[in-house]
Amino acid sequence: MKKEPVLTTEHIRVHIQELRKSKKMSQEYMAYCLRVSQKAYSKIESGKTQLSVGRLIQIARLLEVNPSQLLFTKNK
């Protein structure tokens, strides 16, 4: 059976955090580039703030990935 892509806010926030860490970027650096406070950026990674499409695109650019890579994963 073919597995369908899954879109969850949990997946998105975890994927953003993993990519940021793999690129050795700090939350402070991400916040600076996005022109928000570190506290505001932390809320993105903790799931306390919902992402707009525009913000998702900005984060994807910073992480050098296509925005769809932050959105979709295969079911396990």
C-alpha atoms as a PDB file:
ATOM      1  CA  MET A   1       0.000   0.000   0.000  1.00  0.00           C
ATOM      2  CA  LYS A   2       1.317   3.423  -0.991  1.00  0.00           C
ATOM      3  CA  LYS A   3       1.984   5.755   1.915  1.00  0.00           C
ATOM      4  CA  GLU A   4       0.552   9.259   1.644  1.00  0.00           C
ATOM      5  CA  PRO A   5       2.463  12.389   2.699  1.00  0.00           C
ATOM      6  CA  VAL A   6       1.647  13.679   6.154  1.00  0.00           C
ATOM      7  CA  LEU A   7       1.439  17.308   7.233  1.00  0.00           C
ATOM      8  CA  THR A   8       1.525  18.032  10.961  1.00  0.00           C
ATOM      9  CA  THR A   9       2.662  21.050  12.909  1.00  0.00           C
ATOM     10  CA  GLU A  10       4.682  18.720  15.145  1.00  0.00           C
ATOM     11  CA  HIS A  11       6.586  17.400  12.150  1.00  0.00           C
ATOM     12  CA  ILE A  12       7.252  20.888  10.804  1.00  0.00           C
ATOM     13  CA  ARG A  13       8.636  22.267  14.066  1.00  0.00           C
ATOM     14  CA  VAL A  14      10.799  19.204  14.705  1.00  0.00           C
ATOM     15  CA  HIS A  15      12.093  19.208  11.148  1.00  0.00           C
ATOM     16  CA  ILE A  16      12.975  22.909  11.356  1.00  0.00           C
ATOM     17  CA  GLN A  17      14.833  22.307  14.612  1.00  0.00           C
ATOM     18  CA  GLU A  18      16.722  19.295  13.245  1.00  0.00           C
ATOM     19  CA  LEU A  19      17.751  21.131  10.078  1.00  0.00           C
ATOM     20  CA  ARG A  20      18.852  24.189  12.060  1.00  0.00           C
ATOM     21  CA  LYS A  21      20.996  22.059  14.345  1.00  0.00           C
ATOM     22  CA  SER A  22      22.462  20.058  11.462  1.00  0.00           C
ATOM     23  CA  LYS A  23      23.596  23.341   9.905  1.00  0.00           C
ATOM     24  CA  LYS A  24      25.021  24.436  13.259  1.00  0.00           C
ATOM     25  CA  MET A  25      22.796  27.508  13.407  1.00  0.00           C
ATOM     26  CA  SER A  26      21.672  28.894  16.744  1.00  0.00           C
ATOM     27  CA  GLN A  27      18.179  30.049  17.556  1.00  0.00           C
ATOM     28  CA  GLU A  28      19.689  33.485  18.077  1.00  0.00           C
ATOM     29  CA  TYR A  29      21.078  33.497  14.528  1.00  0.00           C
ATOM     30  CA  MET A  30      17.763  32.338  13.056  1.00  0.00           C
ATOM     31  CA  ALA A  31      15.909  35.015  15.019  1.00  0.00           C
ATOM     32  CA  TYR A  32      18.349  37.696  13.861  1.00  0.00           C
ATOM     33  CA  CYS A  33      17.923  36.693  10.206  1.00  0.00           C
ATOM     34  CA  LEU A  34      14.141  36.604  10.548  1.00  0.00           C
ATOM     35  CA  ARG A  35      14.153  39.931  12.415  1.00  0.00           C
ATOM     36  CA  VAL A  36      12.360  38.552  15.456  1.00  0.00           C
ATOM     37  CA  SER A  37      13.452  38.053  19.038  1.00  0.00           C
ATOM     38  CA  GLN A  38      15.063  34.797  20.116  1.00  0.00           C
ATOM     39  CA  LYS A  39      12.034  34.216  22.325  1.00  0.00           C
ATOM     40  CA  ALA A  40       9.689  34.602  19.338  1.00  0.00           C
ATOM     41  CA  TYR A  41      11.796  32.176  17.298  1.00  0.00           C
ATOM     42  CA  SER A  42      11.861  29.703  20.174  1.00  0.00           C
ATOM     43  CA  LYS A  43       8.059  29.721  20.147  1.00  0.00           C
ATOM     44  CA  ILE A  44       8.159  28.606  16.501  1.00  0.00           C
ATOM     45  CA  GLU A  45      10.306  25.580  17.333  1.00  0.00           C
ATOM     46  CA  SER A  46       8.266  24.758  20.423  1.00  0.00           C
ATOM     47  CA  GLY A  47       5.003  24.876  18.488  1.00  0.00           C
ATOM     48  CA  LYS A  48       3.576  27.783  20.483  1.00  0.00           C
ATOM     49  CA  THR A  49       3.405  29.978  17.371  1.00  0.00           C
ATOM     50  CA  GLN A  50       1.701  28.997  14.158  1.00  0.00           C
ATOM     51  CA  LEU A  51       3.730  29.673  11.046  1.00  0.00           C
ATOM     52  CA  SER A  52       2.449  31.775   8.203  1.00  0.00           C
ATOM     53  CA  VAL A  53       3.311  30.658   4.684  1.00  0.00           C
ATOM     54  CA  GLY A  54       5.590  33.661   4.335  1.00  0.00           C
ATOM     55  CA  ARG A  55       7.505  32.830   7.511  1.00  0.00           C
ATOM     56  CA  LEU A  56       7.795  29.181   6.464  1.00  0.00           C
ATOM     57  CA  ILE A  57       9.333  30.301   3.163  1.00  0.00           C
ATOM     58  CA  GLN A  58      11.800  32.569   4.999  1.00  0.00           C
ATOM     59  CA  ILE A  59      12.863  29.718   7.280  1.00  0.00           C
ATOM     60  CA  ALA A  60      13.238  27.351   4.326  1.00  0.00           C
ATOM     61  CA  ARG A  61      15.498  29.853   2.565  1.00  0.00           C
ATOM     62  CA  LEU A  62      17.651  30.228   5.671  1.00  0.00           C
ATOM     63  CA  LEU A  63      17.931  26.456   5.957  1.00  0.00           C
ATOM     64  CA  GLU A  64      18.595  26.173   2.207  1.00  0.00           C
ATOM     65  CA  VAL A  65      15.719  23.776   1.536  1.00  0.00           C
ATOM     66  CA  ASN A  66      12.550  23.867  -0.504  1.00  0.00           C
ATOM     67  CA  PRO A  67       9.559  24.845   1.681  1.00  0.00           C
ATOM     68  CA  SER A  68       7.835  21.579   0.760  1.00  0.00           C
ATOM     69  CA  GLN A  69      10.699  19.729   2.448  1.00  0.00           C
ATOM     70  CA  LEU A  70       9.623  21.272   5.745  1.00  0.00           C
ATOM     71  CA  LEU A  71       5.996  20.325   5.216  1.00  0.00           C
ATOM     72  CA  PHE A  72       5.877  16.763   4.063  1.00  0.00           C
ATOM     73  CA  THR A  73       7.197  13.424   5.213  1.00  0.00           C
ATOM     74  CA  LYS A  74       6.284   9.838   4.560  1.00  0.00           C
ATOM     75  CA  ASN A  75       4.263   7.897   7.118  1.00  0.00           C
ATOM     76  CA  LYS A  76       6.322   5.348   8.980  1.00  0.00           C
END
